[in-house]
Amino acid sequence: MSSPALARAAFTQGAIAILPLSLAVAPWGLLAGSMAIEANLTALEGQGLSAIVFAGAAQLVAIGMLKGGANLFSILLTTLLLTSQHLLYGLSMRPVISELPLRWRLGLGFLLTDEFFALTSQYDRQQFNRWYALGVGLTFYIAWNLFTLAGIVLGRNIPHLDQLGLDFSIVATFVALIAPLVRNLPTVMCVAVSLFSSVLFSFWQWETALVLAGLLGMAAGFVCQKFSGARA
């Protein structure tokens, strides 16, 4: 097989691998699009969030805070905390992509999501295939934007679409991503504390509860890792 054929095969393999997760976040994308309309954003602004920001939880929180009248600093700080795990993802993947050309590093960095990391972080430098990673990231990006567009269209015709319980997909998606990784005590503690904290702080706004639960979960996992000597 020629090199272009190998690249196409790897790209296709990545696109197929991400399809289940792409479909799983369909309700999430519909919610992002419909909430943008509910928050009085234009269709272009709502689609632009998915096209440029490309971060589901951050988009939902930002839209919710805009709808609630939050100021710009609060929105930026909250979304920064919510997406802080991407810094850790980037540091973890740096050894395998550091030798790629700049255009590849920038492109894959933009496409880096929880789902992307879950499917590509298992490979070392010898096993990592840039075309497979591109297939994963680009397919998920296109799916997310299509679902957002559908949410915008539906949001214009079906009022209060955000009250239909579509946010269940957020929990379902992260359970599917995290479950295979729960293999040691630090990870178990991180997940357990995050879940307990999200319930404990549920009387606050959900975006605040999510940030606090995530921070406490990471802290618990770090402390447990230090004491146990296990690797999370």
C-alpha atoms as a PDB file:
ATOM      1  CA  MET A   1       0.000   0.000   0.000  1.00  0.00           C
ATOM      2  CA  SER A   2       1.178   3.512  -0.759  1.00  0.00           C
ATOM      3  CA  SER A   3       1.667   6.118   1.938  1.00  0.00           C
ATOM      4  CA  PRO A   4      -1.517   8.031   0.971  1.00  0.00           C
ATOM      5  CA  ALA A   5      -3.464   4.780   1.150  1.00  0.00           C
ATOM      6  CA  LEU A   6      -2.070   4.070   4.610  1.00  0.00           C
ATOM      7  CA  ALA A   7      -2.986   7.570   5.697  1.00  0.00           C
ATOM      8  CA  ARG A   8      -6.546   7.181   4.410  1.00  0.00           C
ATOM      9  CA  ALA A   9      -6.879   3.823   6.157  1.00  0.00           C
ATOM     10  CA  ALA A  10      -5.660   5.256   9.473  1.00  0.00           C
ATOM     11  CA  PHE A  11      -7.918   8.298   9.114  1.00  0.00           C
ATOM     12  CA  THR A  12     -10.921   6.068   8.407  1.00  0.00           C
ATOM     13  CA  GLN A  13     -10.073   3.858  11.361  1.00  0.00           C
ATOM     14  CA  GLY A  14     -10.005   6.902  13.643  1.00  0.00           C
ATOM     15  CA  ALA A  15     -13.280   8.227  12.244  1.00  0.00           C
ATOM     16  CA  ILE A  16     -14.979   4.880  12.869  1.00  0.00           C
ATOM     17  CA  ALA A  17     -13.524   4.596  16.382  1.00  0.00           C
ATOM     18  CA  ILE A  18     -14.982   7.949  17.462  1.00  0.00           C
ATOM     19  CA  LEU A  19     -18.450   7.394  15.971  1.00  0.00           C
ATOM     20  CA  PRO A  20     -20.034   5.882  19.112  1.00  0.00           C
ATOM     21  CA  LEU A  21     -18.868   8.813  21.228  1.00  0.00           C
ATOM     22  CA  SER A  22     -19.930  11.258  18.519  1.00  0.00           C
ATOM     23  CA  LEU A  23     -23.444   9.855  18.592  1.00  0.00           C
ATOM     24  CA  ALA A  24     -23.440   9.775  22.405  1.00  0.00           C
ATOM     25  CA  VAL A  25     -22.995  13.554  22.593  1.00  0.00           C
ATOM     26  CA  ALA A  26     -25.827  14.262  20.127  1.00  0.00           C
ATOM     27  CA  PRO A  27     -28.215  15.359  22.927  1.00  0.00           C
ATOM     28  CA  TRP A  28     -25.396  17.460  24.355  1.00  0.00           C
ATOM     29  CA  GLY A  29     -24.906  19.225  21.012  1.00  0.00           C
ATOM     30  CA  LEU A  30     -28.644  19.758  20.623  1.00  0.00           C
ATOM     31  CA  LEU A  31     -28.671  21.299  24.089  1.00  0.00           C
ATOM     32  CA  ALA A  32     -25.760  23.622  23.265  1.00  0.00           C
ATOM     33  CA  GLY A  33     -27.514  24.877  20.137  1.00  0.00           C
ATOM     34  CA  SER A  34     -30.942  25.295  21.719  1.00  0.00           C
ATOM     35  CA  MET A  35     -29.540  27.008  24.826  1.00  0.00           C
ATOM     36  CA  ALA A  36     -27.753  29.520  22.613  1.00  0.00           C
ATOM     37  CA  ILE A  37     -31.105  30.482  21.093  1.00  0.00           C
ATOM     38  CA  GLU A  38     -32.745  30.592  24.554  1.00  0.00           C
ATOM     39  CA  ALA A  39     -29.964  32.969  25.657  1.00  0.00           C
ATOM     40  CA  ASN A  40     -30.869  35.293  22.759  1.00  0.00           C
ATOM     41  CA  LEU A  41     -27.691  34.601  20.815  1.00  0.00           C
ATOM     42  CA  THR A  42     -27.957  34.681  17.058  1.00  0.00           C
ATOM     43  CA  ALA A  43     -27.697  31.455  15.083  1.00  0.00           C
ATOM     44  CA  LEU A  44     -24.252  32.540  13.871  1.00  0.00           C
ATOM     45  CA  GLU A  45     -23.071  33.260  17.419  1.00  0.00           C
ATOM     46  CA  GLY A  46     -24.374  29.940  18.685  1.00  0.00           C
ATOM     47  CA  GLN A  47     -22.707  28.038  15.868  1.00  0.00           C
ATOM     48  CA  GLY A  48     -19.547  30.061  16.330  1.00  0.00           C
ATOM     49  CA  LEU A  49     -19.205  28.809  19.903  1.00  0.00           C
ATOM     50  CA  SER A  50     -19.063  25.243  18.661  1.00  0.00           C
ATOM     51  CA  ALA A  51     -16.838  26.096  15.714  1.00  0.00           C
ATOM     52  CA  ILE A  52     -14.309  28.151  17.672  1.00  0.00           C
ATOM     53  CA  VAL A  53     -14.557  27.189  21.351  1.00  0.00           C
ATOM     54  CA  PHE A  54     -15.327  23.503  20.717  1.00  0.00           C
ATOM     55  CA  ALA A  55     -15.723  22.578  24.388  1.00  0.00           C
ATOM     56  CA  GLY A  56     -19.095  21.169  25.342  1.00  0.00           C
ATOM     57  CA  ALA A  57     -19.175  21.756  29.096  1.00  0.00           C
ATOM     58  CA  ALA A  58     -17.552  25.181  28.767  1.00  0.00           C
ATOM     59  CA  GLN A  59     -20.077  26.197  26.107  1.00  0.00           C
ATOM     60  CA  LEU A  60     -23.057  25.123  28.188  1.00  0.00           C
ATOM     61  CA  VAL A  61     -21.730  26.902  31.263  1.00  0.00           C
ATOM     62  CA  ALA A  62     -20.881  30.066  29.334  1.00  0.00           C
ATOM     63  CA  ILE A  63     -24.317  30.164  27.716  1.00  0.00           C
ATOM     64  CA  GLY A  64     -26.016  29.547  31.056  1.00  0.00           C
ATOM     65  CA  MET A  65     -24.024  32.321  32.685  1.00  0.00           C
ATOM     66  CA  LEU A  66     -24.775  34.701  29.801  1.00  0.00           C
ATOM     67  CA  LYS A  67     -28.443  33.914  30.209  1.00  0.00           C
ATOM     68  CA  GLY A  68     -28.155  34.634  33.936  1.00  0.00           C
ATOM     69  CA  GLY A  69     -26.462  37.988  33.351  1.00  0.00           C
ATOM     70  CA  ALA A  70     -22.968  37.052  34.568  1.00  0.00           C
ATOM     71  CA  ASN A  71     -20.090  39.384  33.733  1.00  0.00           C
ATOM     72  CA  LEU A  72     -17.340  38.538  31.270  1.00  0.00           C
ATOM     73  CA  PHE A  73     -14.669  37.951  33.919  1.00  0.00           C
ATOM     74  CA  SER A  74     -16.811  35.390  35.759  1.00  0.00           C
ATOM     75  CA  ILE A  75     -17.537  33.551  32.523  1.00  0.00           C
ATOM     76  CA  LEU A  76     -13.878  33.468  31.481  1.00  0.00           C
ATOM     77  CA  LEU A  77     -12.701  32.318  34.920  1.00  0.00           C
ATOM     78  CA  THR A  78     -15.319  29.579  35.171  1.00  0.00           C
ATOM     79  CA  THR A  79     -14.675  28.226  31.688  1.00  0.00           C
ATOM     80  CA  LEU A  80     -10.922  28.342  32.343  1.00  0.00           C
ATOM     81  CA  LEU A  81     -11.372  26.138  35.397  1.00  0.00           C
ATOM     82  CA  LEU A  82     -13.715  23.815  33.540  1.00  0.00           C
ATOM     83  CA  THR A  83     -11.258  23.266  30.706  1.00  0.00           C
ATOM     84  CA  SER A  84      -8.094  23.154  32.826  1.00  0.00           C
ATOM     85  CA  GLN A  85      -7.798  19.400  32.256  1.00  0.00           C
ATOM     86  CA  HIS A  86      -6.790  20.136  28.664  1.00  0.00           C
ATOM     87  CA  LEU A  87      -3.480  21.487  29.943  1.00  0.00           C
ATOM     88  CA  LEU A  88      -2.832  18.112  31.565  1.00  0.00           C
ATOM     89  CA  TYR A  89      -3.928  16.344  28.378  1.00  0.00           C
ATOM     90  CA  GLY A  90      -1.500  18.447  26.367  1.00  0.00           C
ATOM     91  CA  LEU A  91       1.379  17.776  28.741  1.00  0.00           C
ATOM     92  CA  SER A  92       0.607  14.051  28.681  1.00  0.00           C
ATOM     93  CA  MET A  93       0.583  13.918  24.867  1.00  0.00           C
ATOM     94  CA  ARG A  94       3.554  16.215  24.340  1.00  0.00           C
ATOM     95  CA  PRO A  95       6.107  13.385  24.089  1.00  0.00           C
ATOM     96  CA  VAL A  96       4.232  11.742  21.196  1.00  0.00           C
ATOM     97  CA  ILE A  97       3.456  14.861  19.142  1.00  0.00           C
ATOM     98  CA  SER A  98       6.414  17.127  19.913  1.00  0.00           C
ATOM     99  CA  GLU A  99       8.288  16.014  16.796  1.00  0.00           C
ATOM    100  CA  LEU A 100       5.346  16.617  14.451  1.00  0.00           C
ATOM    101  CA  PRO A 101       5.352  19.706  12.202  1.00  0.00           C
ATOM    102  CA  LEU A 102       3.830  22.853  13.703  1.00  0.00           C
ATOM    103  CA  ARG A 103       0.671  22.633  11.596  1.00  0.00           C
ATOM    104  CA  TRP A 104      -0.007  19.167  12.993  1.00  0.00           C
ATOM    105  CA  ARG A 105       0.642  20.215  16.586  1.00  0.00           C
ATOM    106  CA  LEU A 106      -1.674  23.193  16.252  1.00  0.00           C
ATOM    107  CA  GLY A 107      -4.368  21.196  14.474  1.00  0.00           C
ATOM    108  CA  LEU A 108      -4.368  18.285  16.902  1.00  0.00           C
ATOM    109  CA  GLY A 109      -4.160  20.705  19.819  1.00  0.00           C
ATOM    110  CA  PHE A 110      -7.321  22.448  18.653  1.00  0.00           C
ATOM    111  CA  LEU A 111      -9.108  19.106  18.249  1.00  0.00           C
ATOM    112  CA  LEU A 112      -8.047  17.931  21.727  1.00  0.00           C
ATOM    113  CA  THR A 113     -11.120  16.946  23.746  1.00  0.00           C
ATOM    114  CA  ASP A 114     -11.857  14.413  26.475  1.00  0.00           C
ATOM    115  CA  GLU A 115     -13.011  11.974  23.806  1.00  0.00           C
ATOM    116  CA  PHE A 116      -9.946  12.588  21.642  1.00  0.00           C
ATOM    117  CA  PHE A 117      -7.638  12.029  24.611  1.00  0.00           C
ATOM    118  CA  ALA A 118      -9.460   8.845  25.613  1.00  0.00           C
ATOM    119  CA  LEU A 119      -8.862   7.276  22.191  1.00  0.00           C
ATOM    120  CA  THR A 120      -5.327   8.490  21.468  1.00  0.00           C
ATOM    121  CA  SER A 121      -3.499   8.765  24.806  1.00  0.00           C
ATOM    122  CA  GLN A 122      -2.867   5.012  24.997  1.00  0.00           C
ATOM    123  CA  TYR A 123      -0.295   5.131  22.196  1.00  0.00           C
ATOM    124  CA  ASP A 124       3.397   5.859  22.647  1.00  0.00           C
ATOM    125  CA  ARG A 125       5.589   7.650  20.108  1.00  0.00           C
ATOM    126  CA  GLN A 126       6.144   4.520  18.022  1.00  0.00           C
ATOM    127  CA  GLN A 127       2.457   3.561  17.921  1.00  0.00           C
ATOM    128  CA  PHE A 128       0.930   7.014  17.571  1.00  0.00           C
ATOM    129  CA  ASN A 129      -0.490   7.722  14.099  1.00  0.00           C
ATOM    130  CA  ARG A 130      -1.223  11.344  13.253  1.00  0.00           C
ATOM    131  CA  TRP A 131      -3.785  10.385  10.626  1.00  0.00           C
ATOM    132  CA  TYR A 132      -5.683   8.177  13.052  1.00  0.00           C
ATOM    133  CA  ALA A 133      -5.707  11.059  15.547  1.00  0.00           C
ATOM    134  CA  LEU A 134      -6.903  13.442  12.839  1.00  0.00           C
ATOM    135  CA  GLY A 135      -9.712  11.053  11.929  1.00  0.00           C
ATOM    136  CA  VAL A 136     -10.786  10.929  15.569  1.00  0.00           C
ATOM    137  CA  GLY A 137     -10.636  14.670  16.172  1.00  0.00           C
ATOM    138  CA  LEU A 138     -12.023  15.934  12.872  1.00  0.00           C
ATOM    139  CA  THR A 139     -14.948  13.501  12.841  1.00  0.00           C
ATOM    140  CA  PHE A 140     -15.906  14.490  16.368  1.00  0.00           C
ATOM    141  CA  TYR A 141     -15.559  18.184  15.493  1.00  0.00           C
ATOM    142  CA  ILE A 142     -17.844  17.867  12.481  1.00  0.00           C
ATOM    143  CA  ALA A 143     -20.398  15.816  14.435  1.00  0.00           C
ATOM    144  CA  TRP A 144     -20.425  18.320  17.295  1.00  0.00           C
ATOM    145  CA  ASN A 145     -21.043  21.221  14.941  1.00  0.00           C
ATOM    146  CA  LEU A 146     -23.781  19.365  13.065  1.00  0.00           C
ATOM    147  CA  PHE A 147     -25.568  18.540  16.301  1.00  0.00           C
ATOM    148  CA  THR A 148     -25.211  22.149  17.428  1.00  0.00           C
ATOM    149  CA  LEU A 149     -26.746  23.312  14.155  1.00  0.00           C
ATOM    150  CA  ALA A 150     -29.632  20.902  14.644  1.00  0.00           C
ATOM    151  CA  GLY A 151     -30.090  22.269  18.175  1.00  0.00           C
ATOM    152  CA  ILE A 152     -30.199  25.829  16.845  1.00  0.00           C
ATOM    153  CA  VAL A 153     -32.860  24.901  14.286  1.00  0.00           C
ATOM    154  CA  LEU A 154     -34.918  22.990  16.854  1.00  0.00           C
ATOM    155  CA  GLY A 155     -34.438  25.730  19.439  1.00  0.00           C
ATOM    156  CA  ARG A 156     -36.070  28.206  17.101  1.00  0.00           C
ATOM    157  CA  ASN A 157     -39.118  25.976  16.659  1.00  0.00           C
ATOM    158  CA  ILE A 158     -39.426  24.119  19.984  1.00  0.00           C
ATOM    159  CA  PRO A 159     -39.303  26.436  23.010  1.00  0.00           C
ATOM    160  CA  HIS A 160     -37.581  25.337  26.217  1.00  0.00           C
ATOM    161  CA  LEU A 161     -35.808  22.407  24.601  1.00  0.00           C
ATOM    162  CA  ASP A 162     -33.304  22.623  27.444  1.00  0.00           C
ATOM    163  CA  GLN A 163     -35.988  21.352  29.850  1.00  0.00           C
ATOM    164  CA  LEU A 164     -36.342  17.969  28.149  1.00  0.00           C
ATOM    165  CA  GLY A 165     -33.522  16.355  30.120  1.00  0.00           C
ATOM    166  CA  LEU A 166     -30.959  16.346  27.312  1.00  0.00           C
ATOM    167  CA  ASP A 167     -28.194  17.092  29.803  1.00  0.00           C
ATOM    168  CA  PHE A 168     -28.216  13.418  30.833  1.00  0.00           C
ATOM    169  CA  SER A 169     -25.794  12.835  27.961  1.00  0.00           C
ATOM    170  CA  ILE A 170     -23.099  14.802  29.821  1.00  0.00           C
ATOM    171  CA  VAL A 171     -23.083  12.301  32.657  1.00  0.00           C
ATOM    172  CA  ALA A 172     -23.481   9.298  30.348  1.00  0.00           C
ATOM    173  CA  THR A 173     -20.565  10.341  28.144  1.00  0.00           C
ATOM    174  CA  PHE A 174     -18.153  10.906  31.015  1.00  0.00           C
ATOM    175  CA  VAL A 175     -19.139   7.666  32.706  1.00  0.00           C
ATOM    176  CA  ALA A 176     -18.332   5.853  29.446  1.00  0.00           C
ATOM    177  CA  LEU A 177     -14.967   7.627  29.228  1.00  0.00           C
ATOM    178  CA  ILE A 178     -13.955   7.240  32.856  1.00  0.00           C
ATOM    179  CA  ALA A 179     -15.150   3.714  33.672  1.00  0.00           C
ATOM    180  CA  PRO A 180     -12.371   1.880  31.762  1.00  0.00           C
ATOM    181  CA  LEU A 181      -9.734   4.053  33.481  1.00  0.00           C
ATOM    182  CA  VAL A 182     -10.799   3.329  37.057  1.00  0.00           C
ATOM    183  CA  ARG A 183      -8.068   0.813  37.822  1.00  0.00           C
ATOM    184  CA  ASN A 184      -6.363   2.033  40.992  1.00  0.00           C
ATOM    185  CA  LEU A 185      -7.067   3.745  44.308  1.00  0.00           C
ATOM    186  CA  PRO A 186      -6.183   7.356  43.310  1.00  0.00           C
ATOM    187  CA  THR A 187      -8.528   7.197  40.326  1.00  0.00           C
ATOM    188  CA  VAL A 188     -11.287   5.644  42.423  1.00  0.00           C
ATOM    189  CA  MET A 189     -10.890   8.398  45.016  1.00  0.00           C
ATOM    190  CA  CYS A 190     -10.916  11.102  42.343  1.00  0.00           C
ATOM    191  CA  VAL A 191     -14.159   9.792  40.830  1.00  0.00           C
ATOM    192  CA  ALA A 192     -15.798   9.136  44.205  1.00  0.00           C
ATOM    193  CA  VAL A 193     -15.001  12.588  45.607  1.00  0.00           C
ATOM    194  CA  SER A 194     -16.129  14.271  42.373  1.00  0.00           C
ATOM    195  CA  LEU A 195     -19.476  12.446  42.443  1.00  0.00           C
ATOM    196  CA  PHE A 196     -20.009  13.101  46.163  1.00  0.00           C
ATOM    197  CA  SER A 197     -19.069  16.766  45.797  1.00  0.00           C
ATOM    198  CA  SER A 198     -21.394  17.283  42.835  1.00  0.00           C
ATOM    199  CA  VAL A 199     -24.274  16.029  44.991  1.00  0.00           C
ATOM    200  CA  LEU A 200     -23.125  18.037  48.021  1.00  0.00           C
ATOM    201  CA  PHE A 201     -22.896  21.286  46.047  1.00  0.00           C
ATOM    202  CA  SER A 202     -26.024  20.655  43.957  1.00  0.00           C
ATOM    203  CA  PHE A 203     -27.913  23.394  45.829  1.00  0.00           C
ATOM    204  CA  TRP A 204     -25.716  25.927  43.996  1.00  0.00           C
ATOM    205  CA  GLN A 205     -25.789  26.650  40.315  1.00  0.00           C
ATOM    206  CA  TRP A 206     -24.790  23.501  38.451  1.00  0.00           C
ATOM    207  CA  GLU A 207     -21.802  25.141  36.796  1.00  0.00           C
ATOM    208  CA  THR A 208     -20.421  26.135  40.221  1.00  0.00           C
ATOM    209  CA  ALA A 209     -21.012  22.635  41.573  1.00  0.00           C
ATOM    210  CA  LEU A 210     -19.249  21.151  38.546  1.00  0.00           C
ATOM    211  CA  VAL A 211     -16.154  23.315  39.006  1.00  0.00           C
ATOM    212  CA  LEU A 212     -15.888  22.621  42.736  1.00  0.00           C
ATOM    213  CA  ALA A 213     -16.493  18.883  42.296  1.00  0.00           C
ATOM    214  CA  GLY A 214     -13.805  18.670  39.635  1.00  0.00           C
ATOM    215  CA  LEU A 215     -11.253  20.564  41.692  1.00  0.00           C
ATOM    216  CA  LEU A 216     -11.908  18.506  44.832  1.00  0.00           C
ATOM    217  CA  GLY A 217     -11.801  15.277  42.830  1.00  0.00           C
ATOM    218  CA  MET A 218      -8.416  16.114  41.325  1.00  0.00           C
ATOM    219  CA  ALA A 219      -7.088  17.143  44.745  1.00  0.00           C
ATOM    220  CA  ALA A 220      -8.273  13.886  46.308  1.00  0.00           C
ATOM    221  CA  GLY A 221      -6.692  11.831  43.549  1.00  0.00           C
ATOM    222  CA  PHE A 222      -3.403  13.718  43.875  1.00  0.00           C
ATOM    223  CA  VAL A 223      -3.249  13.300  47.658  1.00  0.00           C
ATOM    224  CA  CYS A 224      -4.158   9.624  47.441  1.00  0.00           C
ATOM    225  CA  GLN A 225      -1.507   9.087  44.767  1.00  0.00           C
ATOM    226  CA  LYS A 226       1.151  10.704  46.957  1.00  0.00           C
ATOM    227  CA  PHE A 227       0.310   8.547  49.947  1.00  0.00           C
ATOM    228  CA  SER A 228      -0.186   5.287  48.067  1.00  0.00           C
ATOM    229  CA  GLY A 229       2.632   5.687  45.565  1.00  0.00           C
ATOM    230  CA  ALA A 230       0.265   4.515  42.774  1.00  0.00           C
ATOM    231  CA  ARG A 231       0.059   6.122  39.447  1.00  0.00           C
ATOM    232  CA  ALA A 232      -3.327   7.588  38.520  1.00  0.00           C
END
